[in-house]
Structure formats: C-alpha cells, structure tokens
Amino acid sequence: MANNVASKDGRPFASIGKRLEHIQIMMGFGDEGGGVQMAKNIRVTEGQWSGWRSGAKPMRLMYGLRLCDWCEEYLEGVTLDYIYRGKGQSLT
C-alpha cells in the first residue's frame, strides 16, 4: 500500500518545521513527548505544535514571538529571523 502522506520536504512550510524541530531538540525536548512540553510552554495545543513542526501548517507571528520569548532565557539565537527565514546565528 502506498504512503499518501507527503514527505516533510514537500510540505509548504517544511523549512520552518525543520527549524522548529531543531529548536525543540536544542531545548531538551527531543524525546517522545517533547512536542507536548513545547506546546505547553508556549500555550498552544499539541496539535498546533505538531502541525507547525511537520511543516504542514503556517505558524502565526504571535506564536513565533511566544516561542522566542520563552526560549530567550534558555537558548541563544531563537529569533523570528531564524524561525521564519533561517537567518541569524546557529543554535548551540
């Protein structure tokens, strides 16, 4: 049976999704259930976070700002420029 789900790279917001996934890992939430923790900390549903991280749905600016504000204390380099355009310093 063929897999009807588009690959992550073929999704409209795949590049943003890859960066969100990288942020999740760098924040220490890469293990199973990490998406739940990310969603909880930026006050969205797990489904919203999952849709953004998979690259299937656009992340509205207000949520990008929440993510930046929350990450600021723990991880340098999470900016709107990084999230939406992939520009800025690499996350370490």
PDB file of N, CA and C in Angstrom:
ATOM      1  N   MET A   1       0.845  -1.169   0.000  1.00  0.00           N
ATOM      2  CA  MET A   1       0.000   0.000   0.000  1.00  0.00           C
ATOM      3  C   MET A   1       0.897   1.241   0.000  1.00  0.00           C
ATOM      4  N   ALA A   2       0.595   2.196  -0.839  1.00  0.00           N
ATOM      5  CA  ALA A   2       1.398   3.411  -0.960  1.00  0.00           C
ATOM      6  C   ALA A   2       1.127   4.348   0.204  1.00  0.00           C
ATOM      7  N   ASN A   3       2.159   5.068   0.608  1.00  0.00           N
ATOM      8  CA  ASN A   3       2.026   6.049   1.668  1.00  0.00           C
ATOM      9  C   ASN A   3       1.536   7.352   1.044  1.00  0.00           C
ATOM     10  N   ASN A   4       0.360   7.804   1.417  1.00  0.00           N
ATOM     11  CA  ASN A   4      -0.233   9.009   0.845  1.00  0.00           C
ATOM     12  C   ASN A   4       0.189  10.291   1.556  1.00  0.00           C
ATOM     13  N   VAL A   5       1.000  10.192   2.598  1.00  0.00           N
ATOM     14  CA  VAL A   5       1.444  11.370   3.326  1.00  0.00           C
ATOM     15  C   VAL A   5       2.650  11.957   2.606  1.00  0.00           C
ATOM     16  N   ALA A   6       2.593  13.256   2.323  1.00  0.00           N
ATOM     17  CA  ALA A   6       3.708  13.914   1.648  1.00  0.00           C
ATOM     18  C   ALA A   6       4.924  13.920   2.553  1.00  0.00           C
ATOM     19  N   SER A   7       6.095  13.814   1.951  1.00  0.00           N
ATOM     20  CA  SER A   7       7.306  13.889   2.759  1.00  0.00           C
ATOM     21  C   SER A   7       7.388  15.279   3.369  1.00  0.00           C
ATOM     22  N   LYS A   8       8.086  15.385   4.470  1.00  0.00           N
ATOM     23  CA  LYS A   8       8.207  16.663   5.154  1.00  0.00           C
ATOM     24  C   LYS A   8       8.781  17.721   4.219  1.00  0.00           C
ATOM     25  N   ASP A   9       9.738  17.341   3.376  1.00  0.00           N
ATOM     26  CA  ASP A   9      10.372  18.296   2.478  1.00  0.00           C
ATOM     27  C   ASP A   9       9.400  18.853   1.450  1.00  0.00           C
ATOM     28  N   GLY A  10       8.347  18.142   1.128  1.00  0.00           N
ATOM     29  CA  GLY A  10       7.390  18.597   0.140  1.00  0.00           C
ATOM     30  C   GLY A  10       6.274  19.454   0.700  1.00  0.00           C
ATOM     31  N   ARG A  11       6.269  19.643   1.984  1.00  0.00           N
ATOM     32  CA  ARG A  11       5.204  20.423   2.616  1.00  0.00           C
ATOM     33  C   ARG A  11       5.501  21.910   2.494  1.00  0.00           C
ATOM     34  N   PRO A  12       4.454  22.735   2.479  1.00  0.00           N
ATOM     35  CA  PRO A  12       4.636  24.165   2.211  1.00  0.00           C
ATOM     36  C   PRO A  12       5.515  24.907   3.219  1.00  0.00           C
ATOM     37  N   PHE A  13       5.553  24.467   4.449  1.00  0.00           N
ATOM     38  CA  PHE A  13       6.322  25.160   5.482  1.00  0.00           C
ATOM     39  C   PHE A  13       7.410  24.259   6.057  1.00  0.00           C
ATOM     40  N   ALA A  14       7.971  23.391   5.206  1.00  0.00           N
ATOM     41  CA  ALA A  14       8.944  22.389   5.640  1.00  0.00           C
ATOM     42  C   ALA A  14      10.185  23.017   6.256  1.00  0.00           C
ATOM     43  N   SER A  15      10.681  24.102   5.692  1.00  0.00           N
ATOM     44  CA  SER A  15      11.915  24.693   6.226  1.00  0.00           C
ATOM     45  C   SER A  15      11.683  25.266   7.627  1.00  0.00           C
ATOM     46  N   ILE A  16      10.529  25.869   7.849  1.00  0.00           N
ATOM     47  CA  ILE A  16      10.199  26.367   9.188  1.00  0.00           C
ATOM     48  C   ILE A  16      10.049  25.186  10.139  1.00  0.00           C
ATOM     49  N   GLY A  17       9.376  24.151   9.691  1.00  0.00           N
ATOM     50  CA  GLY A  17       9.194  22.961  10.517  1.00  0.00           C
ATOM     51  C   GLY A  17      10.502  22.339  10.952  1.00  0.00           C
ATOM     52  N   LYS A  18      11.474  22.287  10.058  1.00  0.00           N
ATOM     53  CA  LYS A  18      12.789  21.727  10.403  1.00  0.00           C
ATOM     54  C   LYS A  18      13.462  22.568  11.483  1.00  0.00           C
ATOM     55  N   ARG A  19      13.332  23.886  11.377  1.00  0.00           N
ATOM     56  CA  ARG A  19      13.931  24.743  12.402  1.00  0.00           C
ATOM     57  C   ARG A  19      13.200  24.607  13.736  1.00  0.00           C
ATOM     58  N   LEU A  20      11.882  24.467  13.704  1.00  0.00           N
ATOM     59  CA  LEU A  20      11.138  24.253  14.953  1.00  0.00           C
ATOM     60  C   LEU A  20      11.539  22.935  15.607  1.00  0.00           C
ATOM     61  N   GLU A  21      11.727  21.917  14.793  1.00  0.00           N
ATOM     62  CA  GLU A  21      12.172  20.627  15.321  1.00  0.00           C
ATOM     63  C   GLU A  21      13.559  20.765  15.948  1.00  0.00           C
ATOM     64  N   HIS A  22      14.437  21.520  15.295  1.00  0.00           N
ATOM     65  CA  HIS A  22      15.776  21.739  15.831  1.00  0.00           C
ATOM     66  C   HIS A  22      15.706  22.498  17.163  1.00  0.00           C
ATOM     67  N   ILE A  23      14.850  23.505  17.242  1.00  0.00           N
ATOM     68  CA  ILE A  23      14.676  24.250  18.485  1.00  0.00           C
ATOM     69  C   ILE A  23      14.192  23.308  19.586  1.00  0.00           C
ATOM     70  N   GLN A  24      13.232  22.453  19.272  1.00  0.00           N
ATOM     71  CA  GLN A  24      12.704  21.508  20.255  1.00  0.00           C
ATOM     72  C   GLN A  24      13.823  20.620  20.789  1.00  0.00           C
ATOM     73  N   ILE A  25      14.656  20.126  19.920  1.00  0.00           N
ATOM     74  CA  ILE A  25      15.771  19.262  20.336  1.00  0.00           C
ATOM     75  C   ILE A  25      16.767  20.047  21.185  1.00  0.00           C
ATOM     76  N   MET A  26      17.115  21.257  20.729  1.00  0.00           N
ATOM     77  CA  MET A  26      18.083  22.068  21.471  1.00  0.00           C
ATOM     78  C   MET A  26      17.551  22.501  22.837  1.00  0.00           C
ATOM     79  N   MET A  27      16.243  22.590  22.981  1.00  0.00           N
ATOM     80  CA  MET A  27      15.642  22.934  24.268  1.00  0.00           C
ATOM     81  C   MET A  27      15.575  21.720  25.199  1.00  0.00           C
ATOM     82  N   GLY A  28      15.976  20.550  24.693  1.00  0.00           N
ATOM     83  CA  GLY A  28      15.992  19.354  25.520  1.00  0.00           C
ATOM     84  C   GLY A  28      14.707  18.553  25.484  1.00  0.00           C
ATOM     85  N   PHE A  29      13.853  18.815  24.499  1.00  0.00           N
ATOM     86  CA  PHE A  29      12.585  18.115  24.392  1.00  0.00           C
ATOM     87  C   PHE A  29      12.527  17.250  23.140  1.00  0.00           C
ATOM     88  N   GLY A  30      13.618  16.590  22.829  1.00  0.00           N
ATOM     89  CA  GLY A  30      13.665  15.772  21.625  1.00  0.00           C
ATOM     90  C   GLY A  30      13.077  14.392  21.794  1.00  0.00           C
ATOM     91  N   ASP A  31      12.972  13.930  23.009  1.00  0.00           N
ATOM     92  CA  ASP A  31      12.452  12.592  23.262  1.00  0.00           C
ATOM     93  C   ASP A  31      10.949  12.543  23.038  1.00  0.00           C
ATOM     94  N   GLU A  32      10.411  11.361  23.070  1.00  0.00           N
ATOM     95  CA  GLU A  32       8.967  11.195  22.923  1.00  0.00           C
ATOM     96  C   GLU A  32       8.246  12.049  23.962  1.00  0.00           C
ATOM     97  N   GLY A  33       7.239  12.752  23.532  1.00  0.00           N
ATOM     98  CA  GLY A  33       6.506  13.645  24.423  1.00  0.00           C
ATOM     99  C   GLY A  33       7.053  15.057  24.437  1.00  0.00           C
ATOM    100  N   GLY A  34       8.126  15.294  23.698  1.00  0.00           N
ATOM    101  CA  GLY A  34       8.727  16.627  23.668  1.00  0.00           C
ATOM    102  C   GLY A  34       7.811  17.674  23.079  1.00  0.00           C
ATOM    103  N   GLY A  35       7.023  17.279  22.095  1.00  0.00           N
ATOM    104  CA  GLY A  35       6.089  18.216  21.482  1.00  0.00           C
ATOM    105  C   GLY A  35       5.045  18.696  22.468  1.00  0.00           C
ATOM    106  N   VAL A  36       4.649  17.825  23.360  1.00  0.00           N
ATOM    107  CA  VAL A  36       3.679  18.190  24.400  1.00  0.00           C
ATOM    108  C   VAL A  36       4.282  19.279  25.275  1.00  0.00           C
ATOM    109  N   GLN A  37       5.537  19.111  25.648  1.00  0.00           N
ATOM    110  CA  GLN A  37       6.201  20.097  26.504  1.00  0.00           C
ATOM    111  C   GLN A  37       6.386  21.431  25.793  1.00  0.00           C
ATOM    112  N   MET A  38       6.778  21.385  24.524  1.00  0.00           N
ATOM    113  CA  MET A  38       6.938  22.622  23.754  1.00  0.00           C
ATOM    114  C   MET A  38       5.605  23.354  23.673  1.00  0.00           C
ATOM    115  N   ALA A  39       4.558  22.636  23.337  1.00  0.00           N
ATOM    116  CA  ALA A  39       3.229  23.232  23.218  1.00  0.00           C
ATOM    117  C   ALA A  39       2.789  23.854  24.536  1.00  0.00           C
ATOM    118  N   LYS A  40       2.998  23.125  25.606  1.00  0.00           N
ATOM    119  CA  LYS A  40       2.593  23.613  26.926  1.00  0.00           C
ATOM    120  C   LYS A  40       3.308  24.924  27.262  1.00  0.00           C
ATOM    121  N   ASN A  41       4.586  24.990  26.972  1.00  0.00           N
ATOM    122  CA  ASN A  41       5.375  26.162  27.343  1.00  0.00           C
ATOM    123  C   ASN A  41       5.064  27.400  26.509  1.00  0.00           C
ATOM    124  N   ILE A  42       4.546  27.228  25.305  1.00  0.00           N
ATOM    125  CA  ILE A  42       4.164  28.412  24.526  1.00  0.00           C
ATOM    126  C   ILE A  42       2.638  28.566  24.455  1.00  0.00           C
ATOM    127  N   ARG A  43       1.952  27.773  25.262  1.00  0.00           N
ATOM    128  CA  ARG A  43       0.496  27.884  25.450  1.00  0.00           C
ATOM    129  C   ARG A  43      -0.299  27.660  24.166  1.00  0.00           C
ATOM    130  N   VAL A  44      -0.009  26.539  23.512  1.00  0.00           N
ATOM    131  CA  VAL A  44      -0.778  26.107  22.339  1.00  0.00           C
ATOM    132  C   VAL A  44      -1.103  24.632  22.521  1.00  0.00           C
ATOM    133  N   THR A  45      -1.921  24.086  21.631  1.00  0.00           N
ATOM    134  CA  THR A  45      -2.218  22.660  21.717  1.00  0.00           C
ATOM    135  C   THR A  45      -1.084  21.856  21.088  1.00  0.00           C
ATOM    136  N   GLU A  46      -1.005  20.609  21.470  1.00  0.00           N
ATOM    137  CA  GLU A  46      -0.001  19.732  20.870  1.00  0.00           C
ATOM    138  C   GLU A  46      -0.236  19.617  19.362  1.00  0.00           C
ATOM    139  N   GLY A  47      -1.503  19.610  18.950  1.00  0.00           N
ATOM    140  CA  GLY A  47      -1.827  19.534  17.528  1.00  0.00           C
ATOM    141  C   GLY A  47      -1.301  20.727  16.748  1.00  0.00           C
ATOM    142  N   GLN A  48      -1.399  21.921  17.343  1.00  0.00           N
ATOM    143  CA  GLN A  48      -0.853  23.109  16.686  1.00  0.00           C
ATOM    144  C   GLN A  48       0.655  22.968  16.514  1.00  0.00           C
ATOM    145  N   TRP A  49       1.350  22.619  17.600  1.00  0.00           N
ATOM    146  CA  TRP A  49       2.807  22.476  17.544  1.00  0.00           C
ATOM    147  C   TRP A  49       3.198  21.412  16.512  1.00  0.00           C
ATOM    148  N   SER A  50       2.511  20.306  16.531  1.00  0.00           N
ATOM    149  CA  SER A  50       2.803  19.223  15.605  1.00  0.00           C
ATOM    150  C   SER A  50       2.617  19.663  14.144  1.00  0.00           C
ATOM    151  N   GLY A  51       1.558  20.398  13.866  1.00  0.00           N
ATOM    152  CA  GLY A  51       1.302  20.890  12.509  1.00  0.00           C
ATOM    153  C   GLY A  51       2.386  21.831  12.025  1.00  0.00           C
ATOM    154  N   TRP A  52       2.867  22.680  12.928  1.00  0.00           N
ATOM    155  CA  TRP A  52       3.940  23.609  12.566  1.00  0.00           C
ATOM    156  C   TRP A  52       5.247  22.856  12.370  1.00  0.00           C
ATOM    157  N   ARG A  53       5.549  21.962  13.318  1.00  0.00           N
ATOM    158  CA  ARG A  53       6.819  21.236  13.264  1.00  0.00           C
ATOM    159  C   ARG A  53       6.887  20.304  12.062  1.00  0.00           C
ATOM    160  N   SER A  54       5.754  19.789  11.640  1.00  0.00           N
ATOM    161  CA  SER A  54       5.747  18.900  10.479  1.00  0.00           C
ATOM    162  C   SER A  54       5.847  19.675   9.170  1.00  0.00           C
ATOM    163  N   GLY A  55       5.655  20.991   9.246  1.00  0.00           N
ATOM    164  CA  GLY A  55       5.707  21.813   8.037  1.00  0.00           C
ATOM    165  C   GLY A  55       4.396  21.859   7.282  1.00  0.00           C
ATOM    166  N   ALA A  56       3.339  21.327   7.869  1.00  0.00           N
ATOM    167  CA  ALA A  56       2.047  21.273   7.193  1.00  0.00           C
ATOM    168  C   ALA A  56       1.234  22.553   7.355  1.00  0.00           C
ATOM    169  N   LYS A  57       1.495  23.301   8.413  1.00  0.00           N
ATOM    170  CA  LYS A  57       0.688  24.492   8.699  1.00  0.00           C
ATOM    171  C   LYS A  57       1.596  25.678   9.003  1.00  0.00           C
ATOM    172  N   PRO A  58       1.132  26.885   8.675  1.00  0.00           N
ATOM    173  CA  PRO A  58       1.936  28.070   8.990  1.00  0.00           C
ATOM    174  C   PRO A  58       1.831  28.428  10.473  1.00  0.00           C
ATOM    175  N   MET A  59       2.924  28.918  11.015  1.00  0.00           N
ATOM    176  CA  MET A  59       2.937  29.372  12.402  1.00  0.00           C
ATOM    177  C   MET A  59       2.704  30.884  12.400  1.00  0.00           C
ATOM    178  N   ARG A  60       1.617  31.310  13.015  1.00  0.00           N
ATOM    179  CA  ARG A  60       1.316  32.740  13.078  1.00  0.00           C
ATOM    180  C   ARG A  60       2.379  33.477  13.884  1.00  0.00           C
ATOM    181  N   LEU A  61       2.591  34.725  13.542  1.00  0.00           N
ATOM    182  CA  LEU A  61       3.622  35.545  14.156  1.00  0.00           C
ATOM    183  C   LEU A  61       3.510  35.602  15.675  1.00  0.00           C
ATOM    184  N   MET A  62       2.294  35.707  16.194  1.00  0.00           N
ATOM    185  CA  MET A  62       2.144  35.808  17.654  1.00  0.00           C
ATOM    186  C   MET A  62       2.710  34.581  18.370  1.00  0.00           C
ATOM    187  N   TYR A  63       2.616  33.405  17.726  1.00  0.00           N
ATOM    188  CA  TYR A  63       3.161  32.197  18.341  1.00  0.00           C
ATOM    189  C   TYR A  63       4.679  32.142  18.175  1.00  0.00           C
ATOM    190  N   GLY A  64       5.169  32.657  17.067  1.00  0.00           N
ATOM    191  CA  GLY A  64       6.613  32.763  16.890  1.00  0.00           C
ATOM    192  C   GLY A  64       7.221  33.663  17.961  1.00  0.00           C
ATOM    193  N   LEU A  65       6.549  34.759  18.256  1.00  0.00           N
ATOM    194  CA  LEU A  65       7.014  35.664  19.311  1.00  0.00           C
ATOM    195  C   LEU A  65       7.003  34.980  20.676  1.00  0.00           C
ATOM    196  N   ARG A  66       5.952  34.230  20.957  1.00  0.00           N
ATOM    197  CA  ARG A  66       5.893  33.481  22.228  1.00  0.00           C
ATOM    198  C   ARG A  66       7.062  32.519  22.337  1.00  0.00           C
ATOM    199  N   LEU A  67       7.348  31.820  21.232  1.00  0.00           N
ATOM    200  CA  LEU A  67       8.451  30.862  21.238  1.00  0.00           C
ATOM    201  C   LEU A  67       9.767  31.580  21.496  1.00  0.00           C
ATOM    202  N   CYS A  68       9.990  32.697  20.820  1.00  0.00           N
ATOM    203  CA  CYS A  68      11.221  33.467  21.024  1.00  0.00           C
ATOM    204  C   CYS A  68      11.352  33.923  22.467  1.00  0.00           C
ATOM    205  N   ASP A  69      10.264  34.462  23.012  1.00  0.00           N
ATOM    206  CA  ASP A  69      10.290  34.954  24.390  1.00  0.00           C
ATOM    207  C   ASP A  69      10.591  33.834  25.376  1.00  0.00           C
ATOM    208  N   TRP A  70       9.977  32.689  25.184  1.00  0.00           N
ATOM    209  CA  TRP A  70      10.191  31.570  26.101  1.00  0.00           C
ATOM    210  C   TRP A  70      11.609  31.017  25.977  1.00  0.00           C
ATOM    211  N   CYS A  71      12.098  30.887  24.768  1.00  0.00           N
ATOM    212  CA  CYS A  71      13.435  30.315  24.549  1.00  0.00           C
ATOM    213  C   CYS A  71      14.557  31.251  24.974  1.00  0.00           C
ATOM    214  N   GLU A  72      14.289  32.550  24.974  1.00  0.00           N
ATOM    215  CA  GLU A  72      15.313  33.560  25.238  1.00  0.00           C
ATOM    216  C   GLU A  72      16.133  33.268  26.495  1.00  0.00           C
ATOM    217  N   GLU A  73      15.466  32.785  27.524  1.00  0.00           N
ATOM    218  CA  GLU A  73      16.143  32.519  28.797  1.00  0.00           C
ATOM    219  C   GLU A  73      17.062  31.299  28.738  1.00  0.00           C
ATOM    220  N   TYR A  74      16.777  30.377  27.826  1.00  0.00           N
ATOM    221  CA  TYR A  74      17.468  29.089  27.820  1.00  0.00           C
ATOM    222  C   TYR A  74      18.369  28.848  26.612  1.00  0.00           C
ATOM    223  N   LEU A  75      18.059  29.470  25.487  1.00  0.00           N
ATOM    224  CA  LEU A  75      18.744  29.128  24.243  1.00  0.00           C
ATOM    225  C   LEU A  75      18.963  30.371  23.402  1.00  0.00           C
ATOM    226  N   GLU A  76      20.207  30.699  23.176  1.00  0.00           N
ATOM    227  CA  GLU A  76      20.553  31.876  22.388  1.00  0.00           C
ATOM    228  C   GLU A  76      20.332  31.617  20.895  1.00  0.00           C
ATOM    229  N   GLY A  77      19.801  32.609  20.201  1.00  0.00           N
ATOM    230  CA  GLY A  77      19.665  32.514  18.755  1.00  0.00           C
ATOM    231  C   GLY A  77      18.284  32.210  18.224  1.00  0.00           C
ATOM    232  N   VAL A  78      17.309  31.997  19.110  1.00  0.00           N
ATOM    233  CA  VAL A  78      15.940  31.754  18.644  1.00  0.00           C
ATOM    234  C   VAL A  78      15.297  33.116  18.420  1.00  0.00           C
ATOM    235  N   THR A  79      15.278  33.524  17.157  1.00  0.00           N
ATOM    236  CA  THR A  79      14.708  34.803  16.760  1.00  0.00           C
ATOM    237  C   THR A  79      13.663  34.559  15.675  1.00  0.00           C
ATOM    238  N   LEU A  80      12.858  35.571  15.418  1.00  0.00           N
ATOM    239  CA  LEU A  80      11.890  35.452  14.328  1.00  0.00           C
ATOM    240  C   LEU A  80      12.616  35.259  13.003  1.00  0.00           C
ATOM    241  N   ASP A  81      13.740  35.932  12.834  1.00  0.00           N
ATOM    242  CA  ASP A  81      14.524  35.763  11.611  1.00  0.00           C
ATOM    243  C   ASP A  81      14.970  34.312  11.450  1.00  0.00           C
ATOM    244  N   TYR A  82      15.388  33.701  12.547  1.00  0.00           N
ATOM    245  CA  TYR A  82      15.801  32.291  12.476  1.00  0.00           C
ATOM    246  C   TYR A  82      14.599  31.390  12.168  1.00  0.00           C
ATOM    247  N   ILE A  83      13.523  31.560  12.894  1.00  0.00           N
ATOM    248  CA  ILE A  83      12.359  30.688  12.725  1.00  0.00           C
ATOM    249  C   ILE A  83      11.801  30.769  11.308  1.00  0.00           C
ATOM    250  N   TYR A  84      11.536  31.980  10.848  1.00  0.00           N
ATOM    251  CA  TYR A  84      10.816  32.145   9.589  1.00  0.00           C
ATOM    252  C   TYR A  84      11.708  32.195   8.347  1.00  0.00           C
ATOM    253  N   ARG A  85      12.959  32.659   8.503  1.00  0.00           N
ATOM    254  CA  ARG A  85      13.815  32.822   7.325  1.00  0.00           C
ATOM    255  C   ARG A  85      15.101  32.019   7.381  1.00  0.00           C
ATOM    256  N   GLY A  86      15.384  31.417   8.526  1.00  0.00           N
ATOM    257  CA  GLY A  86      16.612  30.622   8.648  1.00  0.00           C
ATOM    258  C   GLY A  86      17.859  31.468   8.725  1.00  0.00           C
ATOM    259  N   LYS A  87      17.716  32.729   9.102  1.00  0.00           N
ATOM    260  CA  LYS A  87      18.854  33.640   9.170  1.00  0.00           C
ATOM    261  C   LYS A  87      19.207  33.925  10.614  1.00  0.00           C
ATOM    262  N   GLY A  88      20.466  34.245  10.825  1.00  0.00           N
ATOM    263  CA  GLY A  88      20.939  34.545  12.175  1.00  0.00           C
ATOM    264  C   GLY A  88      21.964  33.519  12.581  1.00  0.00           C
ATOM    265  N   GLN A  89      22.348  33.580  13.816  1.00  0.00           N
ATOM    266  CA  GLN A  89      23.364  32.648  14.300  1.00  0.00           C
ATOM    267  C   GLN A  89      22.777  31.246  14.453  1.00  0.00           C
ATOM    268  N   SER A  90      23.655  30.276  14.354  1.00  0.00           N
ATOM    269  CA  SER A  90      23.192  28.901  14.537  1.00  0.00           C
ATOM    270  C   SER A  90      22.949  28.650  16.023  1.00  0.00           C
ATOM    271  N   LEU A  91      22.007  27.797  16.303  1.00  0.00           N
ATOM    272  CA  LEU A  91      21.685  27.485  17.693  1.00  0.00           C
ATOM    273  C   LEU A  91      22.719  26.533  18.255  1.00  0.00           C
ATOM    274  N   THR A  92      23.141  26.815  19.460  1.00  0.00           N
ATOM    275  CA  THR A  92      24.109  25.934  20.118  1.00  0.00           C
ATOM    276  C   THR A  92      23.626  25.539  21.482  1.00  0.00           C
TER     277      THR A  92
END
